[in-house]
């Protein structure tokens, strides 16, 4: 009775929250200080890289099963 047996859901991740923090710091930095924006850009880049690597690792695991 299961119509969609091959549905894949991604595993839980903290990277989207980290990315949102980076965006928030960039926005706060625009109003307050350039240094806060720089920290926000660094956090944003780390979050993008981490999220990308996490998704690639999940994809590699699927092919090896």
PDB file of N, CA and C in Angstrom:
ATOM      1  N   UNK A   1       0.802  -1.191   0.000  1.00  0.00           N
ATOM      2  CA  UNK A   1       0.000   0.000   0.000  1.00  0.00           C
ATOM      3  C   UNK A   1       0.854   1.268   0.000  1.00  0.00           C
ATOM      4  N   UNK A   2       2.168   1.126   0.100  1.00  0.00           N
ATOM      5  CA  UNK A   2       3.057   2.275   0.090  1.00  0.00           C
ATOM      6  C   UNK A   2       3.298   2.699  -1.358  1.00  0.00           C
ATOM      7  N   UNK A   3       2.801   3.875  -1.730  1.00  0.00           N
ATOM      8  CA  UNK A   3       2.868   4.335  -3.111  1.00  0.00           C
ATOM      9  C   UNK A   3       4.250   4.859  -3.502  1.00  0.00           C
ATOM     10  N   UNK A   4       5.014   5.382  -2.548  1.00  0.00           N
ATOM     11  CA  UNK A   4       6.308   5.999  -2.827  1.00  0.00           C
ATOM     12  C   UNK A   4       7.405   5.385  -1.948  1.00  0.00           C
ATOM     13  N   UNK A   5       7.867   4.201  -2.255  1.00  0.00           N
ATOM     14  CA  UNK A   5       8.860   3.566  -1.394  1.00  0.00           C
ATOM     15  C   UNK A   5      10.256   4.181  -1.512  1.00  0.00           C
ATOM     16  N   UNK A   6      10.530   4.959  -2.553  1.00  0.00           N
ATOM     17  CA  UNK A   6      11.870   5.489  -2.773  1.00  0.00           C
ATOM     18  C   UNK A   6      12.023   6.957  -2.389  1.00  0.00           C
ATOM     19  N   UNK A   7      11.199   7.436  -1.476  1.00  0.00           N
ATOM     20  CA  UNK A   7      11.299   8.833  -1.048  1.00  0.00           C
ATOM     21  C   UNK A   7      12.536   8.972  -0.165  1.00  0.00           C
ATOM     22  N   UNK A   8      13.361   9.964  -0.499  1.00  0.00           N
ATOM     23  CA  UNK A   8      14.572  10.226   0.274  1.00  0.00           C
ATOM     24  C   UNK A   8      14.425  11.551   1.005  1.00  0.00           C
ATOM     25  N   UNK A   9      14.628  11.534   2.299  1.00  0.00           N
ATOM     26  CA  UNK A   9      14.631  12.757   3.089  1.00  0.00           C
ATOM     27  C   UNK A   9      16.055  13.008   3.575  1.00  0.00           C
ATOM     28  N   UNK A  10      16.537  14.246   3.487  1.00  0.00           N
ATOM     29  CA  UNK A  10      17.890  14.526   3.962  1.00  0.00           C
ATOM     30  C   UNK A  10      17.979  14.386   5.474  1.00  0.00           C
ATOM     31  N   UNK A  11      19.170  14.082   5.940  1.00  0.00           N
ATOM     32  CA  UNK A  11      19.369  13.966   7.381  1.00  0.00           C
ATOM     33  C   UNK A  11      19.345  15.355   8.018  1.00  0.00           C
ATOM     34  N   UNK A  12      19.018  15.437   9.298  1.00  0.00           N
ATOM     35  CA  UNK A  12      18.998  16.738   9.978  1.00  0.00           C
ATOM     36  C   UNK A  12      20.378  17.401   9.930  1.00  0.00           C
ATOM     37  N   UNK A  13      20.390  18.721   9.841  1.00  0.00           N
ATOM     38  CA  UNK A  13      21.640  19.456   9.707  1.00  0.00           C
ATOM     39  C   UNK A  13      21.555  20.787  10.426  1.00  0.00           C
ATOM     40  N   UNK A  14      22.687  21.231  10.965  1.00  0.00           N
ATOM     41  CA  UNK A  14      22.741  22.546  11.592  1.00  0.00           C
ATOM     42  C   UNK A  14      23.263  23.618  10.629  1.00  0.00           C
ATOM     43  N   UNK A  15      23.664  23.227   9.421  1.00  0.00           N
ATOM     44  CA  UNK A  15      24.213  24.198   8.462  1.00  0.00           C
ATOM     45  C   UNK A  15      23.222  25.266   8.026  1.00  0.00           C
ATOM     46  N   UNK A  16      21.939  24.974   7.826  1.00  0.00           N
ATOM     47  CA  UNK A  16      21.015  26.064   7.458  1.00  0.00           C
ATOM     48  C   UNK A  16      20.923  27.155   8.535  1.00  0.00           C
ATOM     49  N   UNK A  17      20.984  26.749   9.791  1.00  0.00           N
ATOM     50  CA  UNK A  17      20.934  27.734  10.880  1.00  0.00           C
ATOM     51  C   UNK A  17      22.222  28.555  10.891  1.00  0.00           C
ATOM     52  N   UNK A  18      23.354  27.899  10.630  1.00  0.00           N
ATOM     53  CA  UNK A  18      24.635  28.602  10.569  1.00  0.00           C
ATOM     54  C   UNK A  18      24.637  29.606   9.414  1.00  0.00           C
ATOM     55  N   UNK A  19      24.085  29.203   8.286  1.00  0.00           N
ATOM     56  CA  UNK A  19      23.984  30.099   7.135  1.00  0.00           C
ATOM     57  C   UNK A  19      23.115  31.308   7.467  1.00  0.00           C
ATOM     58  N   UNK A  20      22.007  31.076   8.153  1.00  0.00           N
ATOM     59  CA  UNK A  20      21.124  32.179   8.561  1.00  0.00           C
ATOM     60  C   UNK A  20      21.846  33.123   9.529  1.00  0.00           C
ATOM     61  N   UNK A  21      22.670  32.573  10.410  1.00  0.00           N
ATOM     62  CA  UNK A  21      23.451  33.404  11.326  1.00  0.00           C
ATOM     63  C   UNK A  21      24.413  34.297  10.541  1.00  0.00           C
ATOM     64  N   UNK A  22      25.074  33.728   9.535  1.00  0.00           N
ATOM     65  CA  UNK A  22      25.978  34.522   8.712  1.00  0.00           C
ATOM     66  C   UNK A  22      25.258  35.654   8.001  1.00  0.00           C
ATOM     67  N   UNK A  23      24.099  35.366   7.440  1.00  0.00           N
ATOM     68  CA  UNK A  23      23.309  36.417   6.775  1.00  0.00           C
ATOM     69  C   UNK A  23      22.873  37.503   7.759  1.00  0.00           C
ATOM     70  N   UNK A  24      22.498  37.074   8.954  1.00  0.00           N
ATOM     71  CA  UNK A  24      22.083  38.037   9.980  1.00  0.00           C
ATOM     72  C   UNK A  24      23.246  38.935  10.381  1.00  0.00           C
ATOM     73  N   UNK A  25      24.430  38.346  10.542  1.00  0.00           N
ATOM     74  CA  UNK A  25      25.600  39.148  10.901  1.00  0.00           C
ATOM     75  C   UNK A  25      25.951  40.140   9.792  1.00  0.00           C
ATOM     76  N   UNK A  26      25.806  39.718   8.546  1.00  0.00           N
ATOM     77  CA  UNK A  26      26.065  40.638   7.437  1.00  0.00           C
ATOM     78  C   UNK A  26      25.092  41.813   7.495  1.00  0.00           C
ATOM     79  N   UNK A  27      23.826  41.540   7.721  1.00  0.00           N
ATOM     80  CA  UNK A  27      22.823  42.608   7.789  1.00  0.00           C
ATOM     81  C   UNK A  27      23.075  43.539   8.969  1.00  0.00           C
ATOM     82  N   UNK A  28      23.427  42.983  10.110  1.00  0.00           N
ATOM     83  CA  UNK A  28      23.734  43.815  11.280  1.00  0.00           C
ATOM     84  C   UNK A  28      24.980  44.651  11.014  1.00  0.00           C
ATOM     85  N   UNK A  29      25.953  44.048  10.343  1.00  0.00           N
ATOM     86  CA  UNK A  29      27.183  44.768  10.035  1.00  0.00           C
ATOM     87  C   UNK A  29      26.973  45.930   9.094  1.00  0.00           C
ATOM     88  N   UNK A  30      26.022  45.824   8.184  1.00  0.00           N
ATOM     89  CA  UNK A  30      25.722  46.939   7.278  1.00  0.00           C
ATOM     90  C   UNK A  30      25.248  48.150   8.083  1.00  0.00           C
ATOM     91  N   UNK A  31      24.511  47.889   9.149  1.00  0.00           N
ATOM     92  CA  UNK A  31      23.985  48.971   9.975  1.00  0.00           C
ATOM     93  C   UNK A  31      25.014  49.461  10.993  1.00  0.00           C
ATOM     94  N   UNK A  32      25.826  48.537  11.536  1.00  0.00           N
ATOM     95  CA  UNK A  32      26.688  48.921  12.653  1.00  0.00           C
ATOM     96  C   UNK A  32      28.168  49.033  12.282  1.00  0.00           C
ATOM     97  N   UNK A  33      28.807  47.904  11.922  1.00  0.00           N
ATOM     98  CA  UNK A  33      30.248  47.912  11.742  1.00  0.00           C
ATOM     99  C   UNK A  33      30.660  46.996  10.596  1.00  0.00           C
ATOM    100  N   UNK A  34      31.642  47.447   9.850  1.00  0.00           N
ATOM    101  CA  UNK A  34      32.166  46.666   8.735  1.00  0.00           C
ATOM    102  C   UNK A  34      32.767  45.341   9.226  1.00  0.00           C
ATOM    103  N   UNK A  35      33.351  45.341  10.408  1.00  0.00           N
ATOM    104  CA  UNK A  35      33.971  44.134  10.980  1.00  0.00           C
ATOM    105  C   UNK A  35      32.918  43.043  11.192  1.00  0.00           C
ATOM    106  N   UNK A  36      31.740  43.407  11.651  1.00  0.00           N
ATOM    107  CA  UNK A  36      30.660  42.438  11.858  1.00  0.00           C
ATOM    108  C   UNK A  36      30.248  41.827  10.523  1.00  0.00           C
ATOM    109  N   UNK A  37      30.230  42.631   9.474  1.00  0.00           N
ATOM    110  CA  UNK A  37      29.911  42.104   8.145  1.00  0.00           C
ATOM    111  C   UNK A  37      30.972  41.117   7.673  1.00  0.00           C
ATOM    112  N   UNK A  38      32.221  41.410   7.928  1.00  0.00           N
ATOM    113  CA  UNK A  38      33.303  40.500   7.544  1.00  0.00           C
ATOM    114  C   UNK A  38      33.158  39.171   8.275  1.00  0.00           C
ATOM    115  N   UNK A  39      32.864  39.203   9.562  1.00  0.00           N
ATOM    116  CA  UNK A  39      32.632  37.973  10.332  1.00  0.00           C
ATOM    117  C   UNK A  39      31.439  37.225   9.744  1.00  0.00           C
ATOM    118  N   UNK A  40      30.399  37.945   9.374  1.00  0.00           N
ATOM    119  CA  UNK A  40      29.225  37.329   8.762  1.00  0.00           C
ATOM    120  C   UNK A  40      29.546  36.642   7.448  1.00  0.00           C
ATOM    121  N   UNK A  41      30.375  37.270   6.623  1.00  0.00           N
ATOM    122  CA  UNK A  41      30.769  36.663   5.354  1.00  0.00           C
ATOM    123  C   UNK A  41      31.571  35.385   5.605  1.00  0.00           C
ATOM    124  N   UNK A  42      32.452  35.413   6.587  1.00  0.00           N
ATOM    125  CA  UNK A  42      33.246  34.215   6.920  1.00  0.00           C
ATOM    126  C   UNK A  42      32.337  33.086   7.387  1.00  0.00           C
ATOM    127  N   UNK A  43      31.397  33.405   8.275  1.00  0.00           N
ATOM    128  CA  UNK A  43      30.454  32.381   8.762  1.00  0.00           C
ATOM    129  C   UNK A  43      29.612  31.858   7.598  1.00  0.00           C
ATOM    130  N   UNK A  44      29.174  32.741   6.729  1.00  0.00           N
ATOM    131  CA  UNK A  44      28.376  32.346   5.567  1.00  0.00           C
ATOM    132  C   UNK A  44      29.150  31.393   4.658  1.00  0.00           C
ATOM    133  N   UNK A  45      30.394  31.699   4.361  1.00  0.00           N
ATOM    134  CA  UNK A  45      31.204  30.839   3.496  1.00  0.00           C
ATOM    135  C   UNK A  45      31.475  29.476   4.128  1.00  0.00           C
ATOM    136  N   UNK A  46      31.728  29.470   5.435  1.00  0.00           N
ATOM    137  CA  UNK A  46      31.923  28.195   6.140  1.00  0.00           C
ATOM    138  C   UNK A  46      30.651  27.363   6.090  1.00  0.00           C
ATOM    139  N   UNK A  47      29.503  28.011   6.291  1.00  0.00           N
ATOM    140  CA  UNK A  47      28.227  27.290   6.263  1.00  0.00           C
ATOM    141  C   UNK A  47      27.946  26.710   4.883  1.00  0.00           C
ATOM    142  N   UNK A  48      28.214  27.484   3.841  1.00  0.00           N
ATOM    143  CA  UNK A  48      27.987  26.984   2.479  1.00  0.00           C
ATOM    144  C   UNK A  48      28.891  25.796   2.194  1.00  0.00           C
ATOM    145  N   UNK A  49      30.157  25.912   2.559  1.00  0.00           N
ATOM    146  CA  UNK A  49      31.101  24.813   2.334  1.00  0.00           C
ATOM    147  C   UNK A  49      30.704  23.575   3.139  1.00  0.00           C
ATOM    148  N   UNK A  50      30.340  23.768   4.397  1.00  0.00           N
ATOM    149  CA  UNK A  50      29.948  22.636   5.242  1.00  0.00           C
ATOM    150  C   UNK A  50      28.708  21.936   4.743  1.00  0.00           C
ATOM    151  N   UNK A  51      27.729  22.717   4.333  1.00  0.00           N
ATOM    152  CA  UNK A  51      26.473  22.148   3.840  1.00  0.00           C
ATOM    153  C   UNK A  51      26.704  21.401   2.530  1.00  0.00           C
ATOM    154  N   UNK A  52      27.546  21.961   1.666  1.00  0.00           N
ATOM    155  CA  UNK A  52      27.857  21.316   0.394  1.00  0.00           C
ATOM    156  C   UNK A  52      28.582  19.992   0.627  1.00  0.00           C
ATOM    157  N   UNK A  53      29.564  19.996   1.508  1.00  0.00           N
ATOM    158  CA  UNK A  53      30.316  18.769   1.785  1.00  0.00           C
ATOM    159  C   UNK A  53      29.428  17.716   2.444  1.00  0.00           C
ATOM    160  N   UNK A  54      28.521  18.150   3.311  1.00  0.00           N
ATOM    161  CA  UNK A  54      27.605  17.219   3.952  1.00  0.00           C
ATOM    162  C   UNK A  54      26.706  16.549   2.910  1.00  0.00           C
ATOM    163  N   UNK A  55      26.190  17.333   1.965  1.00  0.00           N
ATOM    164  CA  UNK A  55      25.335  16.779   0.917  1.00  0.00           C
ATOM    165  C   UNK A  55      26.111  15.841   0.009  1.00  0.00           C
ATOM    166  N   UNK A  56      27.354  16.176  -0.295  1.00  0.00           N
ATOM    167  CA  UNK A  56      28.176  15.296  -1.125  1.00  0.00           C
ATOM    168  C   UNK A  56      28.455  13.986  -0.401  1.00  0.00           C
ATOM    169  N   UNK A  57      28.722  14.052   0.911  1.00  0.00           N
ATOM    170  CA  UNK A  57      28.984  12.841   1.691  1.00  0.00           C
ATOM    171  C   UNK A  57      27.745  11.952   1.724  1.00  0.00           C
ATOM    172  N   UNK A  58      26.565  12.553   1.857  1.00  0.00           N
ATOM    173  CA  UNK A  58      25.320  11.777   1.832  1.00  0.00           C
ATOM    174  C   UNK A  58      25.137  11.112   0.478  1.00  0.00           C
ATOM    175  N   UNK A  59      25.456  11.818  -0.586  1.00  0.00           N
ATOM    176  CA  UNK A  59      25.327  11.262  -1.930  1.00  0.00           C
ATOM    177  C   UNK A  59      26.280  10.109  -2.161  1.00  0.00           C
ATOM    178  N   UNK A  60      27.487  10.199  -1.630  1.00  0.00           N
ATOM    179  CA  UNK A  60      28.465   9.120  -1.783  1.00  0.00           C
ATOM    180  C   UNK A  60      28.018   7.871  -1.027  1.00  0.00           C
ATOM    181  N   UNK A  61      27.433   8.059   0.145  1.00  0.00           N
ATOM    182  CA  UNK A  61      26.950   6.926   0.937  1.00  0.00           C
ATOM    183  C   UNK A  61      25.839   6.186   0.198  1.00  0.00           C
ATOM    184  N   UNK A  62      24.982   6.929  -0.486  1.00  0.00           N
ATOM    185  CA  UNK A  62      23.864   6.307  -1.208  1.00  0.00           C
ATOM    186  C   UNK A  62      24.368   5.421  -2.341  1.00  0.00           C
ATOM    187  N   UNK A  63      25.443   5.824  -3.004  1.00  0.00           N
ATOM    188  CA  UNK A  63      25.959   5.051  -4.117  1.00  0.00           C
ATOM    189  C   UNK A  63      26.688   3.798  -3.661  1.00  0.00           C
ATOM    190  N   UNK A  64      27.188   3.785  -2.431  1.00  0.00           N
ATOM    191  CA  UNK A  64      27.948   2.650  -1.929  1.00  0.00           C
ATOM    192  C   UNK A  64      27.065   1.574  -1.291  1.00  0.00           C
ATOM    193  N   UNK A  65      25.819   1.883  -1.052  1.00  0.00           N
ATOM    194  CA  UNK A  65      24.941   0.915  -0.373  1.00  0.00           C
ATOM    195  C   UNK A  65      24.476  -0.169  -1.291  1.00  0.00           C
TER     196      UNK A  65
END
